[in-house]
């Protein structure tokens, strides 16, 4: 069972105890922040998390995660798309252990879901 903050209006958000920002992008009116070296407080083994923030909103509205499947030694990762109204596993791959492969796939998902086909993501960090 995932830990839930009683004041949390986004119950499916990843439970992040600590994480290190690996990359940051500006993508139209959105900022994409990619986290790695994640210590989870919800029992999920995250390889990477992309947080999608709209404009000046202080909180992400969308998360895309690469979650290790099959235990600590597994090389298989599930990609999950998380919004306030629910989440969905999009697929699984060994590729998403690699930061560049994760960013490429997650950015493509953001492009489709948020209709950003005319925009180009610019790396800030």
PDB file of N, CA and C in Angstrom:
ATOM      1  N   UNK A   1       0.844  -1.180   0.000  1.00  0.00           N
ATOM      2  CA  UNK A   1       0.000   0.000   0.000  1.00  0.00           C
ATOM      3  C   UNK A   1       0.887   1.239   0.000  1.00  0.00           C
ATOM      4  N   UNK A   2       0.527   2.226  -0.793  1.00  0.00           N
ATOM      5  CA  UNK A   2       1.326   3.441  -0.859  1.00  0.00           C
ATOM      6  C   UNK A   2       0.982   4.378   0.286  1.00  0.00           C
ATOM      7  N   UNK A   3       2.011   5.088   0.725  1.00  0.00           N
ATOM      8  CA  UNK A   3       1.818   6.054   1.795  1.00  0.00           C
ATOM      9  C   UNK A   3       1.025   7.228   1.246  1.00  0.00           C
ATOM     10  N   UNK A   4       0.048   7.709   1.991  1.00  0.00           N
ATOM     11  CA  UNK A   4      -0.794   8.803   1.525  1.00  0.00           C
ATOM     12  C   UNK A   4      -0.794   9.932   2.534  1.00  0.00           C
ATOM     13  N   UNK A   5      -0.525  11.110   2.062  1.00  0.00           N
ATOM     14  CA  UNK A   5      -0.599  12.305   2.873  1.00  0.00           C
ATOM     15  C   UNK A   5      -2.062  12.751   2.880  1.00  0.00           C
ATOM     16  N   UNK A   6      -2.634  12.989   4.037  1.00  0.00           N
ATOM     17  CA  UNK A   6      -4.051  13.321   4.124  1.00  0.00           C
ATOM     18  C   UNK A   6      -4.396  14.629   3.437  1.00  0.00           C
ATOM     19  N   UNK A   7      -3.435  15.516   3.214  1.00  0.00           N
ATOM     20  CA  UNK A   7      -3.707  16.774   2.523  1.00  0.00           C
ATOM     21  C   UNK A   7      -3.352  16.682   1.044  1.00  0.00           C
ATOM     22  N   UNK A   8      -2.999  15.524   0.574  1.00  0.00           N
ATOM     23  CA  UNK A   8      -2.551  15.333  -0.793  1.00  0.00           C
ATOM     24  C   UNK A   8      -3.729  15.195  -1.755  1.00  0.00           C
ATOM     25  N   UNK A   9      -3.822  16.107  -2.722  1.00  0.00           N
ATOM     26  CA  UNK A   9      -4.876  16.017  -3.722  1.00  0.00           C
ATOM     27  C   UNK A   9      -4.401  15.238  -4.952  1.00  0.00           C
ATOM     28  N   UNK A  10      -3.266  14.577  -4.854  1.00  0.00           N
ATOM     29  CA  UNK A  10      -2.677  13.820  -5.961  1.00  0.00           C
ATOM     30  C   UNK A  10      -2.200  12.491  -5.386  1.00  0.00           C
ATOM     31  N   UNK A  11      -3.132  11.596  -5.047  1.00  0.00           N
ATOM     32  CA  UNK A  11      -2.774  10.376  -4.316  1.00  0.00           C
ATOM     33  C   UNK A  11      -1.862   9.409  -5.071  1.00  0.00           C
ATOM     34  N   UNK A  12      -1.773   9.474  -6.379  1.00  0.00           N
ATOM     35  CA  UNK A  12      -0.936   8.542  -7.122  1.00  0.00           C
ATOM     36  C   UNK A  12       0.487   9.006  -7.356  1.00  0.00           C
ATOM     37  N   UNK A  13       0.828  10.190  -6.882  1.00  0.00           N
ATOM     38  CA  UNK A  13       2.167  10.736  -7.157  1.00  0.00           C
ATOM     39  C   UNK A  13       3.237   9.841  -6.544  1.00  0.00           C
ATOM     40  N   UNK A  14       4.406   9.778  -7.175  1.00  0.00           N
ATOM     41  CA  UNK A  14       5.498   8.962  -6.628  1.00  0.00           C
ATOM     42  C   UNK A  14       5.905   9.435  -5.241  1.00  0.00           C
ATOM     43  N   UNK A  15       6.176   8.476  -4.368  1.00  0.00           N
ATOM     44  CA  UNK A  15       6.631   8.791  -3.017  1.00  0.00           C
ATOM     45  C   UNK A  15       8.137   8.957  -3.007  1.00  0.00           C
ATOM     46  N   UNK A  16       8.600  10.179  -3.117  1.00  0.00           N
ATOM     47  CA  UNK A  16      10.027  10.468  -3.214  1.00  0.00           C
ATOM     48  C   UNK A  16      10.542  10.936  -1.856  1.00  0.00           C
ATOM     49  N   UNK A  17      11.466  10.175  -1.274  1.00  0.00           N
ATOM     50  CA  UNK A  17      12.122  10.610  -0.041  1.00  0.00           C
ATOM     51  C   UNK A  17      13.285  11.536  -0.406  1.00  0.00           C
ATOM     52  N   UNK A  18      14.160  11.073  -1.306  1.00  0.00           N
ATOM     53  CA  UNK A  18      15.257  11.892  -1.830  1.00  0.00           C
ATOM     54  C   UNK A  18      15.474  11.537  -3.298  1.00  0.00           C
ATOM     55  N   UNK A  19      15.993  12.483  -4.056  1.00  0.00           N
ATOM     56  CA  UNK A  19      16.312  12.266  -5.466  1.00  0.00           C
ATOM     57  C   UNK A  19      17.270  13.359  -5.920  1.00  0.00           C
ATOM     58  N   UNK A  20      18.004  13.044  -6.975  1.00  0.00           N
ATOM     59  CA  UNK A  20      18.950  14.012  -7.535  1.00  0.00           C
ATOM     60  C   UNK A  20      18.470  14.413  -8.925  1.00  0.00           C
ATOM     61  N   UNK A  21      18.303  15.731  -9.159  1.00  0.00           N
ATOM     62  CA  UNK A  21      17.933  16.182 -10.503  1.00  0.00           C
ATOM     63  C   UNK A  21      19.054  15.845 -11.494  1.00  0.00           C
ATOM     64  N   UNK A  22      18.696  15.160 -12.575  1.00  0.00           N
ATOM     65  CA  UNK A  22      19.667  14.770 -13.591  1.00  0.00           C
ATOM     66  C   UNK A  22      19.603  15.674 -14.814  1.00  0.00           C
ATOM     67  N   UNK A  23      18.382  16.085 -15.176  1.00  0.00           N
ATOM     68  CA  UNK A  23      18.191  16.946 -16.344  1.00  0.00           C
ATOM     69  C   UNK A  23      16.976  17.839 -16.123  1.00  0.00           C
ATOM     70  N   UNK A  24      16.979  18.951 -16.860  1.00  0.00           N
ATOM     71  CA  UNK A  24      15.849  19.883 -16.842  1.00  0.00           C
ATOM     72  C   UNK A  24      15.670  20.404 -18.264  1.00  0.00           C
ATOM     73  N   UNK A  25      14.409  20.462 -18.697  1.00  0.00           N
ATOM     74  CA  UNK A  25      14.079  20.927 -20.041  1.00  0.00           C
ATOM     75  C   UNK A  25      12.968  21.956 -19.972  1.00  0.00           C
ATOM     76  N   UNK A  26      12.988  22.890 -20.899  1.00  0.00           N
ATOM     77  CA  UNK A  26      11.865  23.793 -21.140  1.00  0.00           C
ATOM     78  C   UNK A  26      11.200  23.281 -22.402  1.00  0.00           C
ATOM     79  N   UNK A  27       9.883  23.064 -22.334  1.00  0.00           N
ATOM     80  CA  UNK A  27       9.149  22.459 -23.447  1.00  0.00           C
ATOM     81  C   UNK A  27       7.832  23.208 -23.589  1.00  0.00           C
ATOM     82  N   UNK A  28       7.822  24.241 -24.465  1.00  0.00           N
ATOM     83  CA  UNK A  28       6.656  25.101 -24.555  1.00  0.00           C
ATOM     84  C   UNK A  28       6.455  25.789 -23.221  1.00  0.00           C
ATOM     85  N   UNK A  29       5.235  25.725 -22.684  1.00  0.00           N
ATOM     86  CA  UNK A  29       4.955  26.351 -21.385  1.00  0.00           C
ATOM     87  C   UNK A  29       5.278  25.425 -20.215  1.00  0.00           C
ATOM     88  N   UNK A  30       5.855  24.264 -20.490  1.00  0.00           N
ATOM     89  CA  UNK A  30       6.128  23.258 -19.462  1.00  0.00           C
ATOM     90  C   UNK A  30       7.614  23.173 -19.138  1.00  0.00           C
ATOM     91  N   UNK A  31       7.910  22.787 -17.905  1.00  0.00           N
ATOM     92  CA  UNK A  31       9.261  22.446 -17.478  1.00  0.00           C
ATOM     93  C   UNK A  31       9.266  20.957 -17.165  1.00  0.00           C
ATOM     94  N   UNK A  32      10.238  20.242 -17.691  1.00  0.00           N
ATOM     95  CA  UNK A  32      10.393  18.810 -17.445  1.00  0.00           C
ATOM     96  C   UNK A  32      11.630  18.626 -16.573  1.00  0.00           C
ATOM     97  N   UNK A  33      11.463  17.965 -15.447  1.00  0.00           N
ATOM     98  CA  UNK A  33      12.582  17.697 -14.546  1.00  0.00           C
ATOM     99  C   UNK A  33      12.742  16.193 -14.431  1.00  0.00           C
ATOM    100  N   UNK A  34      13.953  15.711 -14.724  1.00  0.00           N
ATOM    101  CA  UNK A  34      14.241  14.277 -14.656  1.00  0.00           C
ATOM    102  C   UNK A  34      15.062  14.015 -13.400  1.00  0.00           C
ATOM    103  N   UNK A  35      14.529  13.127 -12.557  1.00  0.00           N
ATOM    104  CA  UNK A  35      15.177  12.770 -11.299  1.00  0.00           C
ATOM    105  C   UNK A  35      15.782  11.377 -11.388  1.00  0.00           C
ATOM    106  N   UNK A  36      16.906  11.185 -10.726  1.00  0.00           N
ATOM    107  CA  UNK A  36      17.557   9.879 -10.632  1.00  0.00           C
ATOM    108  C   UNK A  36      18.067   9.667  -9.218  1.00  0.00           C
ATOM    109  N   UNK A  37      18.732   8.540  -8.987  1.00  0.00           N
ATOM    110  CA  UNK A  37      19.237   8.206  -7.652  1.00  0.00           C
ATOM    111  C   UNK A  37      18.140   8.420  -6.609  1.00  0.00           C
ATOM    112  N   UNK A  38      17.000   7.779  -6.848  1.00  0.00           N
ATOM    113  CA  UNK A  38      15.779   8.027  -6.082  1.00  0.00           C
ATOM    114  C   UNK A  38      15.665   7.062  -4.908  1.00  0.00           C
ATOM    115  N   UNK A  39      15.433   7.629  -3.744  1.00  0.00           N
ATOM    116  CA  UNK A  39      15.071   6.838  -2.582  1.00  0.00           C
ATOM    117  C   UNK A  39      13.568   7.019  -2.401  1.00  0.00           C
ATOM    118  N   UNK A  40      12.865   5.912  -2.495  1.00  0.00           N
ATOM    119  CA  UNK A  40      11.410   5.934  -2.481  1.00  0.00           C
ATOM    120  C   UNK A  40      10.859   5.689  -1.087  1.00  0.00           C
ATOM    121  N   UNK A  41       9.722   6.318  -0.792  1.00  0.00           N
ATOM    122  CA  UNK A  41       9.037   6.037   0.463  1.00  0.00           C
ATOM    123  C   UNK A  41       7.709   5.324   0.219  1.00  0.00           C
ATOM    124  N   UNK A  42       7.496   4.854  -1.028  1.00  0.00           N
ATOM    125  CA  UNK A  42       6.255   4.139  -1.331  1.00  0.00           C
ATOM    126  C   UNK A  42       6.491   2.682  -1.741  1.00  0.00           C
ATOM    127  N   UNK A  43       7.741   2.208  -1.572  1.00  0.00           N
ATOM    128  CA  UNK A  43       8.039   0.808  -1.853  1.00  0.00           C
ATOM    129  C   UNK A  43       8.309   0.490  -3.315  1.00  0.00           C
ATOM    130  N   UNK A  44       8.278   1.485  -4.194  1.00  0.00           N
ATOM    131  CA  UNK A  44       8.546   1.271  -5.621  1.00  0.00           C
ATOM    132  C   UNK A  44      10.004   1.623  -5.901  1.00  0.00           C
ATOM    133  N   UNK A  45      10.678   0.776  -6.687  1.00  0.00           N
ATOM    134  CA  UNK A  45      12.078   0.988  -7.050  1.00  0.00           C
ATOM    135  C   UNK A  45      12.128   1.790  -8.346  1.00  0.00           C
ATOM    136  N   UNK A  46      12.221   3.120  -8.223  1.00  0.00           N
ATOM    137  CA  UNK A  46      12.255   4.007  -9.391  1.00  0.00           C
ATOM    138  C   UNK A  46      13.681   4.122  -9.919  1.00  0.00           C
ATOM    139  N   UNK A  47      13.829   3.965 -11.222  1.00  0.00           N
ATOM    140  CA  UNK A  47      15.104   4.249 -11.880  1.00  0.00           C
ATOM    141  C   UNK A  47      15.173   5.751 -12.183  1.00  0.00           C
ATOM    142  N   UNK A  48      14.103   6.259 -12.818  1.00  0.00           N
ATOM    143  CA  UNK A  48      13.995   7.681 -13.145  1.00  0.00           C
ATOM    144  C   UNK A  48      12.550   8.123 -12.975  1.00  0.00           C
ATOM    145  N   UNK A  49      12.393   9.414 -12.707  1.00  0.00           N
ATOM    146  CA  UNK A  49      11.080  10.042 -12.674  1.00  0.00           C
ATOM    147  C   UNK A  49      11.178  11.345 -13.442  1.00  0.00           C
ATOM    148  N   UNK A  50      10.244  11.550 -14.387  1.00  0.00           N
ATOM    149  CA  UNK A  50      10.136  12.840 -15.064  1.00  0.00           C
ATOM    150  C   UNK A  50       8.912  13.538 -14.484  1.00  0.00           C
ATOM    151  N   UNK A  51       9.119  14.715 -13.919  1.00  0.00           N
ATOM    152  CA  UNK A  51       8.032  15.536 -13.394  1.00  0.00           C
ATOM    153  C   UNK A  51       7.747  16.632 -14.409  1.00  0.00           C
ATOM    154  N   UNK A  52       6.467  16.807 -14.745  1.00  0.00           N
ATOM    155  CA  UNK A  52       6.051  17.788 -15.750  1.00  0.00           C
ATOM    156  C   UNK A  52       5.299  18.909 -15.035  1.00  0.00           C
ATOM    157  N   UNK A  53       5.847  20.126 -15.133  1.00  0.00           N
ATOM    158  CA  UNK A  53       5.288  21.281 -14.430  1.00  0.00           C
ATOM    159  C   UNK A  53       4.826  22.303 -15.463  1.00  0.00           C
ATOM    160  N   UNK A  54       3.581  22.750 -15.297  1.00  0.00           N
ATOM    161  CA  UNK A  54       3.014  23.738 -16.229  1.00  0.00           C
ATOM    162  C   UNK A  54       3.248  25.149 -15.703  1.00  0.00           C
ATOM    163  N   UNK A  55       3.846  25.993 -16.541  1.00  0.00           N
ATOM    164  CA  UNK A  55       4.033  27.402 -16.214  1.00  0.00           C
ATOM    165  C   UNK A  55       4.658  27.634 -14.863  1.00  0.00           C
ATOM    166  N   UNK A  56       4.002  28.457 -14.053  1.00  0.00           N
ATOM    167  CA  UNK A  56       4.499  28.812 -12.727  1.00  0.00           C
ATOM    168  C   UNK A  56       3.905  27.939 -11.625  1.00  0.00           C
ATOM    169  N   UNK A  57       3.184  26.890 -11.992  1.00  0.00           N
ATOM    170  CA  UNK A  57       2.598  25.985 -10.997  1.00  0.00           C
ATOM    171  C   UNK A  57       3.720  25.418 -10.134  1.00  0.00           C
ATOM    172  N   UNK A  58       3.575  25.448  -8.811  1.00  0.00           N
ATOM    173  CA  UNK A  58       4.650  24.942  -7.949  1.00  0.00           C
ATOM    174  C   UNK A  58       4.740  23.411  -7.910  1.00  0.00           C
ATOM    175  N   UNK A  59       3.702  22.709  -8.341  1.00  0.00           N
ATOM    176  CA  UNK A  59       3.670  21.245  -8.269  1.00  0.00           C
ATOM    177  C   UNK A  59       3.507  20.622  -9.649  1.00  0.00           C
ATOM    178  N   UNK A  60       4.167  19.492  -9.884  1.00  0.00           N
ATOM    179  CA  UNK A  60       3.968  18.779 -11.147  1.00  0.00           C
ATOM    180  C   UNK A  60       2.519  18.311 -11.289  1.00  0.00           C
ATOM    181  N   UNK A  61       2.033  18.290 -12.522  1.00  0.00           N
ATOM    182  CA  UNK A  61       0.694  17.788 -12.809  1.00  0.00           C
ATOM    183  C   UNK A  61       0.730  16.413 -13.439  1.00  0.00           C
ATOM    184  N   UNK A  62       1.913  16.017 -13.916  1.00  0.00           N
ATOM    185  CA  UNK A  62       2.105  14.725 -14.567  1.00  0.00           C
ATOM    186  C   UNK A  62       3.464  14.181 -14.150  1.00  0.00           C
ATOM    187  N   UNK A  63       3.523  12.868 -13.976  1.00  0.00           N
ATOM    188  CA  UNK A  63       4.793  12.176 -13.745  1.00  0.00           C
ATOM    189  C   UNK A  63       4.887  11.024 -14.727  1.00  0.00           C
ATOM    190  N   UNK A  64       6.097  10.769 -15.190  1.00  0.00           N
ATOM    191  CA  UNK A  64       6.386   9.563 -15.966  1.00  0.00           C
ATOM    192  C   UNK A  64       7.537   8.880 -15.246  1.00  0.00           C
ATOM    193  N   UNK A  65       7.355   7.595 -14.950  1.00  0.00           N
ATOM    194  CA  UNK A  65       8.360   6.885 -14.166  1.00  0.00           C
ATOM    195  C   UNK A  65       8.894   5.673 -14.904  1.00  0.00           C
ATOM    196  N   UNK A  66      10.135   5.328 -14.620  1.00  0.00           N
ATOM    197  CA  UNK A  66      10.714   4.041 -15.014  1.00  0.00           C
ATOM    198  C   UNK A  66      10.892   3.281 -13.711  1.00  0.00           C
ATOM    199  N   UNK A  67      10.124   2.193 -13.561  1.00  0.00           N
ATOM    200  CA  UNK A  67      10.099   1.420 -12.320  1.00  0.00           C
ATOM    201  C   UNK A  67      10.677   0.036 -12.564  1.00  0.00           C
ATOM    202  N   UNK A  68      11.609  -0.345 -11.705  1.00  0.00           N
ATOM    203  CA  UNK A  68      12.230  -1.655 -11.840  1.00  0.00           C
ATOM    204  C   UNK A  68      11.201  -2.736 -11.545  1.00  0.00           C
ATOM    205  N   UNK A  69      11.103  -3.700 -12.448  1.00  0.00           N
ATOM    206  CA  UNK A  69      10.174  -4.811 -12.261  1.00  0.00           C
ATOM    207  C   UNK A  69      10.927  -6.067 -11.872  1.00  0.00           C
ATOM    208  N   UNK A  70      10.276  -6.944 -11.135  1.00  0.00           N
ATOM    209  CA  UNK A  70      10.867  -8.243 -10.828  1.00  0.00           C
ATOM    210  C   UNK A  70      11.965  -8.235  -9.792  1.00  0.00           C
ATOM    211  N   UNK A  71      12.035  -7.229  -8.953  1.00  0.00           N
ATOM    212  CA  UNK A  71      13.027  -7.233  -7.881  1.00  0.00           C
ATOM    213  C   UNK A  71      14.261  -6.413  -8.200  1.00  0.00           C
ATOM    214  N   UNK A  72      15.135  -6.307  -7.223  1.00  0.00           N
ATOM    215  CA  UNK A  72      16.295  -5.425  -7.299  1.00  0.00           C
ATOM    216  C   UNK A  72      17.255  -5.763  -8.431  1.00  0.00           C
ATOM    217  N   UNK A  73      17.466  -7.024  -8.744  1.00  0.00           N
ATOM    218  CA  UNK A  73      18.424  -7.392  -9.773  1.00  0.00           C
ATOM    219  C   UNK A  73      17.888  -7.359 -11.193  1.00  0.00           C
ATOM    220  N   UNK A  74      16.608  -7.098 -11.360  1.00  0.00           N
ATOM    221  CA  UNK A  74      15.979  -7.128 -12.678  1.00  0.00           C
ATOM    222  C   UNK A  74      16.481  -5.992 -13.562  1.00  0.00           C
ATOM    223  N   UNK A  75      16.589  -6.287 -14.862  1.00  0.00           N
ATOM    224  CA  UNK A  75      16.975  -5.263 -15.835  1.00  0.00           C
ATOM    225  C   UNK A  75      15.757  -4.728 -16.594  1.00  0.00           C
ATOM    226  N   UNK A  76      14.588  -5.231 -16.282  1.00  0.00           N
ATOM    227  CA  UNK A  76      13.350  -4.820 -16.939  1.00  0.00           C
ATOM    228  C   UNK A  76      12.711  -3.655 -16.180  1.00  0.00           C
ATOM    229  N   UNK A  77      12.276  -2.640 -16.914  1.00  0.00           N
ATOM    230  CA  UNK A  77      11.656  -1.469 -16.313  1.00  0.00           C
ATOM    231  C   UNK A  77      10.298  -1.224 -16.937  1.00  0.00           C
ATOM    232  N   UNK A  78       9.321  -0.918 -16.103  1.00  0.00           N
ATOM    233  CA  UNK A  78       7.999  -0.519 -16.574  1.00  0.00           C
ATOM    234  C   UNK A  78       7.948   0.997 -16.615  1.00  0.00           C
ATOM    235  N   UNK A  79       7.321   1.536 -17.666  1.00  0.00           N
ATOM    236  CA  UNK A  79       7.118   2.974 -17.742  1.00  0.00           C
ATOM    237  C   UNK A  79       5.663   3.247 -17.380  1.00  0.00           C
ATOM    238  N   UNK A  80       5.474   4.154 -16.413  1.00  0.00           N
ATOM    239  CA  UNK A  80       4.131   4.483 -15.930  1.00  0.00           C
ATOM    240  C   UNK A  80       3.874   5.969 -16.155  1.00  0.00           C
ATOM    241  N   UNK A  81       2.679   6.272 -16.651  1.00  0.00           N
ATOM    242  CA  UNK A  81       2.212   7.642 -16.841  1.00  0.00           C
ATOM    243  C   UNK A  81       1.228   7.934 -15.717  1.00  0.00           C
ATOM    244  N   UNK A  82       1.485   8.987 -14.929  1.00  0.00           N
ATOM    245  CA  UNK A  82       0.690   9.278 -13.731  1.00  0.00           C
ATOM    246  C   UNK A  82       0.120  10.696 -13.809  1.00  0.00           C
ATOM    247  N   UNK A  83      -1.213  10.779 -13.670  1.00  0.00           N
ATOM    248  CA  UNK A  83      -1.912  12.064 -13.574  1.00  0.00           C
ATOM    249  C   UNK A  83      -2.761  12.031 -12.308  1.00  0.00           C
ATOM    250  N   UNK A  84      -3.362  13.146 -11.963  1.00  0.00           N
ATOM    251  CA  UNK A  84      -4.185  13.213 -10.749  1.00  0.00           C
ATOM    252  C   UNK A  84      -5.326  12.205 -10.755  1.00  0.00           C
ATOM    253  N   UNK A  85      -5.888  11.923 -11.929  1.00  0.00           N
ATOM    254  CA  UNK A  85      -7.055  11.037 -11.989  1.00  0.00           C
ATOM    255  C   UNK A  85      -6.698   9.576 -12.244  1.00  0.00           C
ATOM    256  N   UNK A  86      -5.413   9.226 -12.180  1.00  0.00           N
ATOM    257  CA  UNK A  86      -5.039   7.827 -12.320  1.00  0.00           C
ATOM    258  C   UNK A  86      -3.698   7.640 -12.990  1.00  0.00           C
ATOM    259  N   UNK A  87      -3.338   6.372 -13.170  1.00  0.00           N
ATOM    260  CA  UNK A  87      -2.056   6.060 -13.802  1.00  0.00           C
ATOM    261  C   UNK A  87      -2.225   4.849 -14.706  1.00  0.00           C
ATOM    262  N   UNK A  88      -1.275   4.703 -15.622  1.00  0.00           N
ATOM    263  CA  UNK A  88      -1.308   3.594 -16.560  1.00  0.00           C
ATOM    264  C   UNK A  88       0.119   3.175 -16.897  1.00  0.00           C
ATOM    265  N   UNK A  89       0.357   1.857 -16.892  1.00  0.00           N
ATOM    266  CA  UNK A  89       1.633   1.343 -17.343  1.00  0.00           C
ATOM    267  C   UNK A  89       1.601   1.343 -18.866  1.00  0.00           C
ATOM    268  N   UNK A  90       2.578   1.991 -19.465  1.00  0.00           N
ATOM    269  CA  UNK A  90       2.616   2.160 -20.910  1.00  0.00           C
ATOM    270  C   UNK A  90       3.342   1.004 -21.592  1.00  0.00           C
ATOM    271  N   UNK A  91       4.322   0.450 -20.925  1.00  0.00           N
ATOM    272  CA  UNK A  91       5.090  -0.649 -21.494  1.00  0.00           C
ATOM    273  C   UNK A  91       6.252  -1.000 -20.603  1.00  0.00           C
ATOM    274  N   UNK A  92       7.069  -1.919 -21.070  1.00  0.00           N
ATOM    275  CA  UNK A  92       8.268  -2.276 -20.309  1.00  0.00           C
ATOM    276  C   UNK A  92       9.412  -2.528 -21.277  1.00  0.00           C
ATOM    277  N   UNK A  93      10.623  -2.269 -20.787  1.00  0.00           N
ATOM    278  CA  UNK A  93      11.808  -2.391 -21.626  1.00  0.00           C
ATOM    279  C   UNK A  93      13.060  -2.392 -20.749  1.00  0.00           C
ATOM    280  N   UNK A  94      14.106  -3.026 -21.246  1.00  0.00           N
ATOM    281  CA  UNK A  94      15.402  -2.937 -20.580  1.00  0.00           C
ATOM    282  C   UNK A  94      16.096  -1.615 -20.939  1.00  0.00           C
ATOM    283  N   UNK A  95      15.642  -0.945 -21.993  1.00  0.00           N
ATOM    284  CA  UNK A  95      16.259   0.309 -22.446  1.00  0.00           C
ATOM    285  C   UNK A  95      16.159   1.431 -21.411  1.00  0.00           C
ATOM    286  N   UNK A  96      15.100   1.415 -20.604  1.00  0.00           N
ATOM    287  CA  UNK A  96      14.837   2.543 -19.716  1.00  0.00           C
ATOM    288  C   UNK A  96      15.707   2.561 -18.476  1.00  0.00           C
ATOM    289  N   UNK A  97      16.705   1.680 -18.422  1.00  0.00           N
ATOM    290  CA  UNK A  97      17.711   1.827 -17.373  1.00  0.00           C
ATOM    291  C   UNK A  97      18.705   2.921 -17.756  1.00  0.00           C
ATOM    292  N   UNK A  98      18.702   3.278 -19.043  1.00  0.00           N
ATOM    293  CA  UNK A  98      19.585   4.313 -19.583  1.00  0.00           C
ATOM    294  C   UNK A  98      18.877   5.667 -19.558  1.00  0.00           C
ATOM    295  N   UNK A  99      19.524   6.687 -19.023  1.00  0.00           N
ATOM    296  CA  UNK A  99      18.921   8.013 -18.893  1.00  0.00           C
ATOM    297  C   UNK A  99      18.478   8.577 -20.238  1.00  0.00           C
ATOM    298  N   UNK A 100      19.337   8.517 -21.258  1.00  0.00           N
ATOM    299  CA  UNK A 100      18.984   9.078 -22.565  1.00  0.00           C
ATOM    300  C   UNK A 100      17.770   8.382 -23.174  1.00  0.00           C
ATOM    301  N   UNK A 101      17.711   7.060 -23.067  1.00  0.00           N
ATOM    302  CA  UNK A 101      16.579   6.302 -23.614  1.00  0.00           C
ATOM    303  C   UNK A 101      15.290   6.646 -22.869  1.00  0.00           C
ATOM    304  N   UNK A 102      15.374   6.777 -21.542  1.00  0.00           N
ATOM    305  CA  UNK A 102      14.203   7.150 -20.754  1.00  0.00           C
ATOM    306  C   UNK A 102      13.706   8.536 -21.164  1.00  0.00           C
ATOM    307  N   UNK A 103      14.613   9.507 -21.242  1.00  0.00           N
ATOM    308  CA  UNK A 103      14.235  10.885 -21.600  1.00  0.00           C
ATOM    309  C   UNK A 103      13.604  10.920 -22.990  1.00  0.00           C
ATOM    310  N   UNK A 104      14.174  10.201 -23.935  1.00  0.00           N
ATOM    311  CA  UNK A 104      13.629  10.179 -25.296  1.00  0.00           C
ATOM    312  C   UNK A 104      12.191   9.652 -25.304  1.00  0.00           C
ATOM    313  N   UNK A 105      11.957   8.537 -24.635  1.00  0.00           N
ATOM    314  CA  UNK A 105      10.623   7.941 -24.602  1.00  0.00           C
ATOM    315  C   UNK A 105       9.636   8.812 -23.823  1.00  0.00           C
ATOM    316  N   UNK A 106      10.044   9.283 -22.650  1.00  0.00           N
ATOM    317  CA  UNK A 106       9.154  10.096 -21.813  1.00  0.00           C
ATOM    318  C   UNK A 106       8.806  11.421 -22.491  1.00  0.00           C
ATOM    319  N   UNK A 107       9.765  12.048 -23.159  1.00  0.00           N
ATOM    320  CA  UNK A 107       9.509  13.296 -23.869  1.00  0.00           C
ATOM    321  C   UNK A 107       8.531  13.062 -25.017  1.00  0.00           C
ATOM    322  N   UNK A 108       8.654  11.923 -25.696  1.00  0.00           N
ATOM    323  CA  UNK A 108       7.704  11.582 -26.758  1.00  0.00           C
ATOM    324  C   UNK A 108       6.293  11.439 -26.224  1.00  0.00           C
ATOM    325  N   UNK A 109       6.162  10.847 -25.054  1.00  0.00           N
ATOM    326  CA  UNK A 109       4.845  10.692 -24.424  1.00  0.00           C
ATOM    327  C   UNK A 109       4.273  12.062 -24.069  1.00  0.00           C
ATOM    328  N   UNK A 110       5.085  12.922 -23.473  1.00  0.00           N
ATOM    329  CA  UNK A 110       4.641  14.273 -23.129  1.00  0.00           C
ATOM    330  C   UNK A 110       4.206  15.016 -24.393  1.00  0.00           C
ATOM    331  N   UNK A 111       4.957  14.885 -25.463  1.00  0.00           N
ATOM    332  CA  UNK A 111       4.623  15.540 -26.728  1.00  0.00           C
ATOM    333  C   UNK A 111       3.230  15.133 -27.199  1.00  0.00           C
ATOM    334  N   UNK A 112       2.949  13.825 -27.167  1.00  0.00           N
ATOM    335  CA  UNK A 112       1.647  13.326 -27.640  1.00  0.00           C
ATOM    336  C   UNK A 112       0.508  13.705 -26.700  1.00  0.00           C
ATOM    337  N   UNK A 113       0.690  13.466 -25.417  1.00  0.00           N
ATOM    338  CA  UNK A 113      -0.397  13.671 -24.456  1.00  0.00           C
ATOM    339  C   UNK A 113      -0.744  15.155 -24.308  1.00  0.00           C
ATOM    340  N   UNK A 114       0.239  16.028 -24.327  1.00  0.00           N
ATOM    341  CA  UNK A 114       0.010  17.456 -24.130  1.00  0.00           C
ATOM    342  C   UNK A 114      -0.042  18.234 -25.444  1.00  0.00           C
ATOM    343  N   UNK A 115      -0.079  17.520 -26.559  1.00  0.00           N
ATOM    344  CA  UNK A 115      -0.182  18.137 -27.898  1.00  0.00           C
ATOM    345  C   UNK A 115       0.883  19.206 -28.118  1.00  0.00           C
ATOM    346  N   UNK A 116       2.133  18.814 -27.923  1.00  0.00           N
ATOM    347  CA  UNK A 116       3.259  19.744 -28.073  1.00  0.00           C
ATOM    348  C   UNK A 116       4.068  19.469 -29.340  1.00  0.00           C
ATOM    349  N   UNK A 117       3.426  18.921 -30.370  1.00  0.00           N
ATOM    350  CA  UNK A 117       4.118  18.554 -31.599  1.00  0.00           C
ATOM    351  C   UNK A 117       4.837  19.705 -32.286  1.00  0.00           C
ATOM    352  N   UNK A 118       4.361  20.941 -32.083  1.00  0.00           N
ATOM    353  CA  UNK A 118       4.996  22.107 -32.703  1.00  0.00           C
ATOM    354  C   UNK A 118       6.121  22.693 -31.856  1.00  0.00           C
ATOM    355  N   UNK A 119       6.332  22.122 -30.667  1.00  0.00           N
ATOM    356  CA  UNK A 119       7.349  22.636 -29.748  1.00  0.00           C
ATOM    357  C   UNK A 119       8.594  21.754 -29.773  1.00  0.00           C
ATOM    358  N   UNK A 120       9.713  22.327 -29.359  1.00  0.00           N
ATOM    359  CA  UNK A 120      10.965  21.595 -29.233  1.00  0.00           C
ATOM    360  C   UNK A 120      11.449  21.712 -27.789  1.00  0.00           C
ATOM    361  N   UNK A 121      11.778  20.577 -27.155  1.00  0.00           N
ATOM    362  CA  UNK A 121      12.307  20.682 -25.789  1.00  0.00           C
ATOM    363  C   UNK A 121      13.737  21.215 -25.802  1.00  0.00           C
ATOM    364  N   UNK A 122      14.015  22.172 -24.920  1.00  0.00           N
ATOM    365  CA  UNK A 122      15.351  22.751 -24.810  1.00  0.00           C
ATOM    366  C   UNK A 122      15.949  22.338 -23.475  1.00  0.00           C
ATOM    367  N   UNK A 123      17.113  21.730 -23.551  1.00  0.00           N
ATOM    368  CA  UNK A 123      17.767  21.276 -22.326  1.00  0.00           C
ATOM    369  C   UNK A 123      18.362  22.452 -21.587  1.00  0.00           C
ATOM    370  N   UNK A 124      18.025  22.570 -20.305  1.00  0.00           N
ATOM    371  CA  UNK A 124      18.527  23.627 -19.453  1.00  0.00           C
ATOM    372  C   UNK A 124      19.631  23.148 -18.532  1.00  0.00           C
ATOM    373  N   UNK A 125      19.599  21.826 -18.230  1.00  0.00           N
ATOM    374  CA  UNK A 125      20.574  21.262 -17.291  1.00  0.00           C
ATOM    375  C   UNK A 125      20.860  19.837 -17.678  1.00  0.00           C
TER     376      UNK A 125
END
